[in-house]
Amino acid sequence: MYSAEDGKGALLNGSPIHTSEQTSLEGAFLATGFPFK
């Protein structure tokens, strides 16, 4: 269960989560979706 409220952070099953610190495209692990529609 992921949840968030403006200004109060994001949670996964009630525990805080944070993004990675990746700043460069080099080495970045990414996701995408095809424009299948």
ModelCIF file with pLDDT and N, C-alpha, C, O atoms, coordinates in Angstrom:
data_MODEL
#
_entry.id   MODEL 
#
_entity.id                         1 
_entity.type                       polymer 
_entity.pdbx_number_of_molecules   1 
#
_entity_poly.entity_id                      1 
_entity_poly.type                           'polypeptide(L)' 
_entity_poly.nstd_linkage                   no 
_entity_poly.nstd_monomer                   no 
_entity_poly.pdbx_seq_one_letter_code       MYSAEDGKGALLNGSPIHTSEQTSLEGAFLATGFPFK 
_entity_poly.pdbx_seq_one_letter_code_can   MYSAEDGKGALLNGSPIHTSEQTSLEGAFLATGFPFK 
_entity_poly.pdbx_strand_id                 A 
#
loop_
_entity_poly_seq.entity_id 
_entity_poly_seq.num 
_entity_poly_seq.mon_id 
_entity_poly_seq.hetero 
1 1  MET n 
1 2  TYR n 
1 3  SER n 
1 4  ALA n 
1 5  GLU n 
1 6  ASP n 
1 7  GLY n 
1 8  LYS n 
1 9  GLY n 
1 10 ALA n 
1 11 LEU n 
1 12 LEU n 
1 13 ASN n 
1 14 GLY n 
1 15 SER n 
1 16 PRO n 
1 17 ILE n 
1 18 HIS n 
1 19 THR n 
1 20 SER n 
1 21 GLU n 
1 22 GLN n 
1 23 THR n 
1 24 SER n 
1 25 LEU n 
1 26 GLU n 
1 27 GLY n 
1 28 ALA n 
1 29 PHE n 
1 30 LEU n 
1 31 ALA n 
1 32 THR n 
1 33 GLY n 
1 34 PHE n 
1 35 PRO n 
1 36 PHE n 
1 37 LYS n 
#
_struct_asym.id          A 
_struct_asym.entity_id   1 
#
loop_
_ma_qa_metric.id 
_ma_qa_metric.mode 
_ma_qa_metric.name 
_ma_qa_metric.software_group_id 
_ma_qa_metric.type 
1 global pLDDT . pLDDT 
2 local  pLDDT . pLDDT 
#
_ma_qa_metric_global.metric_id      1 
_ma_qa_metric_global.metric_value   95.43 
_ma_qa_metric_global.model_id       1 
_ma_qa_metric_global.ordinal_id     1 
#
loop_
_ma_qa_metric_local.label_asym_id 
_ma_qa_metric_local.label_comp_id 
_ma_qa_metric_local.label_seq_id 
_ma_qa_metric_local.metric_id 
_ma_qa_metric_local.metric_value 
_ma_qa_metric_local.model_id 
_ma_qa_metric_local.ordinal_id 
A MET 1  2 98.00 1 1  
A TYR 2  2 98.00 1 2  
A SER 3  2 98.00 1 3  
A ALA 4  2 98.00 1 4  
A GLU 5  2 96.00 1 5  
A ASP 6  2 94.00 1 6  
A GLY 7  2 95.00 1 7  
A LYS 8  2 96.00 1 8  
A GLY 9  2 97.00 1 9  
A ALA 10 2 98.00 1 10 
A LEU 11 2 98.00 1 11 
A LEU 12 2 98.00 1 12 
A ASN 13 2 98.00 1 13 
A GLY 14 2 97.00 1 14 
A SER 15 2 98.00 1 15 
A PRO 16 2 98.00 1 16 
A ILE 17 2 98.00 1 17 
A HIS 18 2 98.00 1 18 
A THR 19 2 98.00 1 19 
A SER 20 2 98.00 1 20 
A GLU 21 2 98.00 1 21 
A GLN 22 2 98.00 1 22 
A THR 23 2 98.00 1 23 
A SER 24 2 97.00 1 24 
A LEU 25 2 97.00 1 25 
A GLU 26 2 97.00 1 26 
A GLY 27 2 97.00 1 27 
A ALA 28 2 98.00 1 28 
A PHE 29 2 98.00 1 29 
A LEU 30 2 98.00 1 30 
A ALA 31 2 98.00 1 31 
A THR 32 2 97.00 1 32 
A GLY 33 2 94.00 1 33 
A PHE 34 2 89.00 1 34 
A PRO 35 2 84.00 1 35 
A PHE 36 2 74.00 1 36 
A LYS 37 2 72.00 1 37 
#
loop_
_atom_site.group_PDB 
_atom_site.id 
_atom_site.type_symbol 
_atom_site.label_atom_id 
_atom_site.label_alt_id 
_atom_site.label_comp_id 
_atom_site.label_asym_id 
_atom_site.label_entity_id 
_atom_site.label_seq_id 
_atom_site.pdbx_PDB_ins_code 
_atom_site.Cartn_x 
_atom_site.Cartn_y 
_atom_site.Cartn_z 
_atom_site.occupancy 
_atom_site.B_iso_or_equiv 
_atom_site.pdbx_formal_charge 
_atom_site.auth_seq_id 
_atom_site.auth_comp_id 
_atom_site.auth_asym_id 
_atom_site.auth_atom_id 
_atom_site.pdbx_PDB_model_num 
ATOM 1   N N  . MET A 1 1  ? 0.845  -1.183 0.000   1.00 98.00 ? 1  MET A N  1 
ATOM 2   C CA . MET A 1 1  ? 0.000  0.000  0.000   1.00 98.00 ? 1  MET A CA 1 
ATOM 3   C C  . MET A 1 1  ? 0.887  1.242  0.000   1.00 98.00 ? 1  MET A C  1 
ATOM 4   O O  . MET A 1 1  ? 1.578  1.534  0.976   1.00 98.00 ? 1  MET A O  1 
ATOM 5   N N  . TYR A 1 2  ? 0.848  1.961  -1.116  1.00 98.00 ? 2  TYR A N  1 
ATOM 6   C CA . TYR A 1 2  ? 1.567  3.227  -1.234  1.00 98.00 ? 2  TYR A CA 1 
ATOM 7   C C  . TYR A 1 2  ? 0.584  4.362  -0.981  1.00 98.00 ? 2  TYR A C  1 
ATOM 8   O O  . TYR A 1 2  ? -0.559 4.313  -1.436  1.00 98.00 ? 2  TYR A O  1 
ATOM 9   N N  . SER A 1 3  ? 1.030  5.383  -0.254  1.00 98.00 ? 3  SER A N  1 
ATOM 10  C CA . SER A 1 3  ? 0.131  6.504  0.006   1.00 98.00 ? 3  SER A CA 1 
ATOM 11  C C  . SER A 1 3  ? 0.939  7.772  0.218   1.00 98.00 ? 3  SER A C  1 
ATOM 12  O O  . SER A 1 3  ? 2.115  7.724  0.579   1.00 98.00 ? 3  SER A O  1 
ATOM 13  N N  . ALA A 1 4  ? 0.293  8.904  -0.013  1.00 98.00 ? 4  ALA A N  1 
ATOM 14  C CA . ALA A 1 4  ? 0.951  10.193 0.187   1.00 98.00 ? 4  ALA A CA 1 
ATOM 15  C C  . ALA A 1 4  ? -0.097 11.274 0.367   1.00 98.00 ? 4  ALA A C  1 
ATOM 16  O O  . ALA A 1 4  ? -1.218 11.183 -0.132  1.00 98.00 ? 4  ALA A O  1 
ATOM 17  N N  . GLU A 1 5  ? 0.308  12.295 1.096   1.00 96.00 ? 5  GLU A N  1 
ATOM 18  C CA . GLU A 1 5  ? -0.514 13.478 1.303   1.00 96.00 ? 5  GLU A CA 1 
ATOM 19  C C  . GLU A 1 5  ? 0.382  14.687 1.142   1.00 96.00 ? 5  GLU A C  1 
ATOM 20  O O  . GLU A 1 5  ? 1.515  14.693 1.621   1.00 96.00 ? 5  GLU A O  1 
ATOM 21  N N  . ASP A 1 6  ? -0.117 15.706 0.472   1.00 94.00 ? 6  ASP A N  1 
ATOM 22  C CA . ASP A 1 6  ? 0.661  16.893 0.156   1.00 94.00 ? 6  ASP A CA 1 
ATOM 23  C C  . ASP A 1 6  ? 1.362  17.449 1.398   1.00 94.00 ? 6  ASP A C  1 
ATOM 24  O O  . ASP A 1 6  ? 0.713  17.813 2.379   1.00 94.00 ? 6  ASP A O  1 
ATOM 25  N N  . GLY A 1 7  ? 2.690  17.508 1.341   1.00 95.00 ? 7  GLY A N  1 
ATOM 26  C CA . GLY A 1 7  ? 3.473  18.071 2.423   1.00 95.00 ? 7  GLY A CA 1 
ATOM 27  C C  . GLY A 1 7  ? 3.786  17.139 3.566   1.00 95.00 ? 7  GLY A C  1 
ATOM 28  O O  . GLY A 1 7  ? 4.431  17.547 4.533   1.00 95.00 ? 7  GLY A O  1 
ATOM 29  N N  . LYS A 1 8  ? 3.339  15.875 3.482   1.00 96.00 ? 8  LYS A N  1 
ATOM 30  C CA . LYS A 1 8  ? 3.531  14.941 4.595   1.00 96.00 ? 8  LYS A CA 1 
ATOM 31  C C  . LYS A 1 8  ? 4.342  13.701 4.236   1.00 96.00 ? 8  LYS A C  1 
ATOM 32  O O  . LYS A 1 8  ? 4.449  12.774 5.038   1.00 96.00 ? 8  LYS A O  1 
ATOM 33  N N  . GLY A 1 9  ? 4.908  13.682 3.040   1.00 97.00 ? 9  GLY A N  1 
ATOM 34  C CA . GLY A 1 9  ? 5.745  12.563 2.659   1.00 97.00 ? 9  GLY A CA 1 
ATOM 35  C C  . GLY A 1 9  ? 4.963  11.402 2.090   1.00 97.00 ? 9  GLY A C  1 
ATOM 36  O O  . GLY A 1 9  ? 3.733  11.424 2.034   1.00 97.00 ? 9  GLY A O  1 
ATOM 37  N N  . ALA A 1 10 ? 5.707  10.374 1.662   1.00 98.00 ? 10 ALA A N  1 
ATOM 38  C CA . ALA A 1 10 ? 5.124  9.183  1.049   1.00 98.00 ? 10 ALA A CA 1 
ATOM 39  C C  . ALA A 1 10 ? 5.423  7.970  1.907   1.00 98.00 ? 10 ALA A C  1 
ATOM 40  O O  . ALA A 1 10 ? 6.452  7.907  2.580   1.00 98.00 ? 10 ALA A O  1 
ATOM 41  N N  . LEU A 1 11 ? 4.505  6.998  1.877   1.00 98.00 ? 11 LEU A N  1 
ATOM 42  C CA . LEU A 1 11 ? 4.606  5.817  2.714   1.00 98.00 ? 11 LEU A CA 1 
ATOM 43  C C  . LEU A 1 11 ? 4.402  4.548  1.890   1.00 98.00 ? 11 LEU A C  1 
ATOM 44  O O  . LEU A 1 11 ? 3.679  4.544  0.895   1.00 98.00 ? 11 LEU A O  1 
ATOM 45  N N  . LEU A 1 12 ? 5.054  3.476  2.325   1.00 98.00 ? 12 LEU A N  1 
ATOM 46  C CA . LEU A 1 12 ? 4.802  2.129  1.835   1.00 98.00 ? 12 LEU A CA 1 
ATOM 47  C C  . LEU A 1 12 ? 4.489  1.270  3.049   1.00 98.00 ? 12 LEU A C  1 
ATOM 48  O O  . LEU A 1 12 ? 5.341  1.044  3.908   1.00 98.00 ? 12 LEU A O  1 
ATOM 49  N N  . ASN A 1 13 ? 3.240  0.793  3.102   1.00 98.00 ? 13 ASN A N  1 
ATOM 50  C CA . ASN A 1 13 ? 2.774  0.016  4.256   1.00 98.00 ? 13 ASN A CA 1 
ATOM 51  C C  . ASN A 1 13 ? 3.084  0.730  5.575   1.00 98.00 ? 13 ASN A C  1 
ATOM 52  O O  . ASN A 1 13 ? 3.468  0.104  6.563   1.00 98.00 ? 13 ASN A O  1 
ATOM 53  N N  . GLY A 1 14 ? 2.908  2.048  5.565   1.00 97.00 ? 14 GLY A N  1 
ATOM 54  C CA . GLY A 1 14 ? 3.050  2.843  6.774   1.00 97.00 ? 14 GLY A CA 1 
ATOM 55  C C  . GLY A 1 14 ? 4.438  3.341  7.079   1.00 97.00 ? 14 GLY A C  1 
ATOM 56  O O  . GLY A 1 14 ? 4.618  4.116  8.018   1.00 97.00 ? 14 GLY A O  1 
ATOM 57  N N  . SER A 1 15 ? 5.438  2.918  6.307   1.00 98.00 ? 15 SER A N  1 
ATOM 58  C CA . SER A 1 15 ? 6.818  3.366  6.545   1.00 98.00 ? 15 SER A CA 1 
ATOM 59  C C  . SER A 1 15 ? 7.242  4.349  5.463   1.00 98.00 ? 15 SER A C  1 
ATOM 60  O O  . SER A 1 15 ? 6.882  4.177  4.299   1.00 98.00 ? 15 SER A O  1 
ATOM 61  N N  . PRO A 1 16 ? 8.010  5.387  5.833   1.00 98.00 ? 16 PRO A N  1 
ATOM 62  C CA . PRO A 1 16 ? 8.418  6.396  4.857   1.00 98.00 ? 16 PRO A CA 1 
ATOM 63  C C  . PRO A 1 16 ? 9.262  5.812  3.731   1.00 98.00 ? 16 PRO A C  1 
ATOM 64  O O  . PRO A 1 16 ? 10.079 4.919  3.956   1.00 98.00 ? 16 PRO A O  1 
ATOM 65  N N  . ILE A 1 17 ? 9.063  6.312  2.539   1.00 98.00 ? 17 ILE A N  1 
ATOM 66  C CA . ILE A 1 17 ? 9.887  5.938  1.392   1.00 98.00 ? 17 ILE A CA 1 
ATOM 67  C C  . ILE A 1 17 ? 10.448 7.193  0.737   1.00 98.00 ? 17 ILE A C  1 
ATOM 68  O O  . ILE A 1 17 ? 9.886  8.281  0.856   1.00 98.00 ? 17 ILE A O  1 
ATOM 69  N N  . HIS A 1 18 ? 11.563 7.017  0.047   1.00 98.00 ? 18 HIS A N  1 
ATOM 70  C CA . HIS A 1 18 ? 12.236 8.121  -0.622  1.00 98.00 ? 18 HIS A CA 1 
ATOM 71  C C  . HIS A 1 18 ? 12.801 7.629  -1.954  1.00 98.00 ? 18 HIS A C  1 
ATOM 72  O O  . HIS A 1 18 ? 13.129 6.453  -2.111  1.00 98.00 ? 18 HIS A O  1 
ATOM 73  N N  . THR A 1 19 ? 12.904 8.526  -2.877  1.00 98.00 ? 19 THR A N  1 
ATOM 74  C CA . THR A 1 19 ? 13.511 8.208  -4.163  1.00 98.00 ? 19 THR A CA 1 
ATOM 75  C C  . THR A 1 19 ? 15.010 7.968  -3.990  1.00 98.00 ? 19 THR A C  1 
ATOM 76  O O  . THR A 1 19 ? 15.595 8.273  -2.951  1.00 98.00 ? 19 THR A O  1 
ATOM 77  N N  . SER A 1 20 ? 15.608 7.414  -5.040  1.00 98.00 ? 20 SER A N  1 
ATOM 78  C CA . SER A 1 20 ? 17.059 7.277  -5.051  1.00 98.00 ? 20 SER A CA 1 
ATOM 79  C C  . SER A 1 20 ? 17.686 8.662  -5.194  1.00 98.00 ? 20 SER A C  1 
ATOM 80  O O  . SER A 1 20 ? 16.985 9.663  -5.339  1.00 98.00 ? 20 SER A O  1 
ATOM 81  N N  . GLU A 1 21 ? 19.012 8.699  -5.152  1.00 98.00 ? 21 GLU A N  1 
ATOM 82  C CA . GLU A 1 21 ? 19.730 9.966  -5.302  1.00 98.00 ? 21 GLU A CA 1 
ATOM 83  C C  . GLU A 1 21 ? 20.359 10.093 -6.682  1.00 98.00 ? 21 GLU A C  1 
ATOM 84  O O  . GLU A 1 21 ? 21.267 10.900 -6.883  1.00 98.00 ? 21 GLU A O  1 
ATOM 85  N N  . GLN A 1 22 ? 19.876 9.296  -7.635  1.00 98.00 ? 22 GLN A N  1 
ATOM 86  C CA . GLN A 1 22 ? 20.444 9.289  -8.976  1.00 98.00 ? 22 GLN A CA 1 
ATOM 87  C C  . GLN A 1 22 ? 20.232 10.638 -9.662  1.00 98.00 ? 22 GLN A C  1 
ATOM 88  O O  . GLN A 1 22 ? 19.102 11.117 -9.759  1.00 98.00 ? 22 GLN A O  1 
ATOM 89  N N  . THR A 1 23 ? 21.314 11.247 -10.135 1.00 98.00 ? 23 THR A N  1 
ATOM 90  C CA . THR A 1 23 ? 21.212 12.564 -10.778 1.00 98.00 ? 23 THR A CA 1 
ATOM 91  C C  . THR A 1 23 ? 21.566 12.536 -12.258 1.00 98.00 ? 23 THR A C  1 
ATOM 92  O O  . THR A 1 23 ? 21.331 13.510 -12.973 1.00 98.00 ? 23 THR A O  1 
ATOM 93  N N  . SER A 1 24 ? 22.129 11.430 -12.720 1.00 97.00 ? 24 SER A N  1 
ATOM 94  C CA . SER A 1 24 ? 22.584 11.346 -14.100 1.00 97.00 ? 24 SER A CA 1 
ATOM 95  C C  . SER A 1 24 ? 21.878 10.227 -14.840 1.00 97.00 ? 24 SER A C  1 
ATOM 96  O O  . SER A 1 24 ? 21.542 9.198  -14.253 1.00 97.00 ? 24 SER A O  1 
ATOM 97  N N  . LEU A 1 25 ? 21.652 10.428 -16.132 1.00 97.00 ? 25 LEU A N  1 
ATOM 98  C CA . LEU A 1 25 ? 21.078 9.375  -16.956 1.00 97.00 ? 25 LEU A CA 1 
ATOM 99  C C  . LEU A 1 25 ? 22.015 8.181  -17.043 1.00 97.00 ? 25 LEU A C  1 
ATOM 100 O O  . LEU A 1 25 ? 21.565 7.037  -17.110 1.00 97.00 ? 25 LEU A O  1 
ATOM 101 N N  . GLU A 1 26 ? 23.312 8.444  -17.041 1.00 97.00 ? 26 GLU A N  1 
ATOM 102 C CA . GLU A 1 26 ? 24.287 7.366  -17.073 1.00 97.00 ? 26 GLU A CA 1 
ATOM 103 C C  . GLU A 1 26 ? 24.144 6.498  -15.815 1.00 97.00 ? 26 GLU A C  1 
ATOM 104 O O  . GLU A 1 26 ? 24.281 6.985  -14.693 1.00 97.00 ? 26 GLU A O  1 
ATOM 105 N N  . GLY A 1 27 ? 23.874 5.243  -16.017 1.00 97.00 ? 27 GLY A N  1 
ATOM 106 C CA . GLY A 1 27 ? 23.709 4.329  -14.903 1.00 97.00 ? 27 GLY A CA 1 
ATOM 107 C C  . GLY A 1 27 ? 22.311 4.270  -14.321 1.00 97.00 ? 27 GLY A C  1 
ATOM 108 O O  . GLY A 1 27 ? 22.054 3.465  -13.425 1.00 97.00 ? 27 GLY A O  1 
ATOM 109 N N  . ALA A 1 28 ? 21.393 5.108  -14.808 1.00 98.00 ? 28 ALA A N  1 
ATOM 110 C CA . ALA A 1 28 ? 20.037 5.151  -14.261 1.00 98.00 ? 28 ALA A CA 1 
ATOM 111 C C  . ALA A 1 28 ? 19.247 3.913  -14.685 1.00 98.00 ? 28 ALA A C  1 
ATOM 112 O O  . ALA A 1 28 ? 19.340 3.467  -15.829 1.00 98.00 ? 28 ALA A O  1 
ATOM 113 N N  . PHE A 1 29 ? 18.481 3.372  -13.765 1.00 98.00 ? 29 PHE A N  1 
ATOM 114 C CA . PHE A 1 29 ? 17.616 2.215  -14.005 1.00 98.00 ? 29 PHE A CA 1 
ATOM 115 C C  . PHE A 1 29 ? 16.192 2.741  -14.141 1.00 98.00 ? 29 PHE A C  1 
ATOM 116 O O  . PHE A 1 29 ? 15.629 3.269  -13.182 1.00 98.00 ? 29 PHE A O  1 
ATOM 117 N N  . LEU A 1 30 ? 15.608 2.598  -15.329 1.00 98.00 ? 30 LEU A N  1 
ATOM 118 C CA . LEU A 1 30 ? 14.387 3.313  -15.676 1.00 98.00 ? 30 LEU A CA 1 
ATOM 119 C C  . LEU A 1 30 ? 13.255 2.370  -16.077 1.00 98.00 ? 30 LEU A C  1 
ATOM 120 O O  . LEU A 1 30 ? 13.475 1.207  -16.415 1.00 98.00 ? 30 LEU A O  1 
ATOM 121 N N  . ALA A 1 31 ? 12.056 2.902  -16.029 1.00 98.00 ? 31 ALA A N  1 
ATOM 122 C CA . ALA A 1 31 ? 10.862 2.194  -16.503 1.00 98.00 ? 31 ALA A CA 1 
ATOM 123 C C  . ALA A 1 31 ? 10.169 3.037  -17.562 1.00 98.00 ? 31 ALA A C  1 
ATOM 124 O O  . ALA A 1 31 ? 10.317 4.258  -17.595 1.00 98.00 ? 31 ALA A O  1 
ATOM 125 N N  . THR A 1 32 ? 9.418  2.380  -18.419 1.00 97.00 ? 32 THR A N  1 
ATOM 126 C CA . THR A 1 32 ? 8.676  3.084  -19.454 1.00 97.00 ? 32 THR A CA 1 
ATOM 127 C C  . THR A 1 32 ? 7.408  2.307  -19.785 1.00 97.00 ? 32 THR A C  1 
ATOM 128 O O  . THR A 1 32 ? 7.197  1.195  -19.303 1.00 97.00 ? 32 THR A O  1 
ATOM 129 N N  . GLY A 1 33 ? 6.589  2.903  -20.598 1.00 94.00 ? 33 GLY A N  1 
ATOM 130 C CA . GLY A 1 33 ? 5.397  2.246  -21.114 1.00 94.00 ? 33 GLY A CA 1 
ATOM 131 C C  . GLY A 1 33 ? 5.243  2.609  -22.575 1.00 94.00 ? 33 GLY A C  1 
ATOM 132 O O  . GLY A 1 33 ? 5.439  3.764  -22.952 1.00 94.00 ? 33 GLY A O  1 
ATOM 133 N N  . PHE A 1 34 ? 4.895  1.641  -23.400 1.00 89.00 ? 34 PHE A N  1 
ATOM 134 C CA . PHE A 1 34 ? 4.729  1.907  -24.827 1.00 89.00 ? 34 PHE A CA 1 
ATOM 135 C C  . PHE A 1 34 ? 3.405  2.626  -25.086 1.00 89.00 ? 34 PHE A C  1 
ATOM 136 O O  . PHE A 1 34 ? 2.431  2.392  -24.370 1.00 89.00 ? 34 PHE A O  1 
ATOM 137 N N  . PRO A 1 35 ? 3.352  3.498  -26.099 1.00 84.00 ? 35 PRO A N  1 
ATOM 138 C CA . PRO A 1 35 ? 2.094  4.184  -26.442 1.00 84.00 ? 35 PRO A CA 1 
ATOM 139 C C  . PRO A 1 35 ? 1.168  3.266  -27.235 1.00 84.00 ? 35 PRO A C  1 
ATOM 140 O O  . PRO A 1 35 ? 0.839  3.547  -28.387 1.00 84.00 ? 35 PRO A O  1 
ATOM 141 N N  . PHE A 1 36 ? 0.749  2.161  -26.605 1.00 74.00 ? 36 PHE A N  1 
ATOM 142 C CA . PHE A 1 36 ? 0.040  1.108  -27.340 1.00 74.00 ? 36 PHE A CA 1 
ATOM 143 C C  . PHE A 1 36 ? -1.373 1.515  -27.740 1.00 74.00 ? 36 PHE A C  1 
ATOM 144 O O  . PHE A 1 36 ? -1.986 0.858  -28.581 1.00 74.00 ? 36 PHE A O  1 
ATOM 145 N N  . LYS A 1 37 ? -1.902 2.594  -27.147 1.00 72.00 ? 37 LYS A N  1 
ATOM 146 C CA . LYS A 1 37 ? -3.217 3.087  -27.555 1.00 72.00 ? 37 LYS A CA 1 
ATOM 147 C C  . LYS A 1 37 ? -3.113 4.218  -28.571 1.00 72.00 ? 37 LYS A C  1 
ATOM 148 O O  . LYS A 1 37 ? -4.133 4.743  -29.015 1.00 72.00 ? 37 LYS A O  1 
#
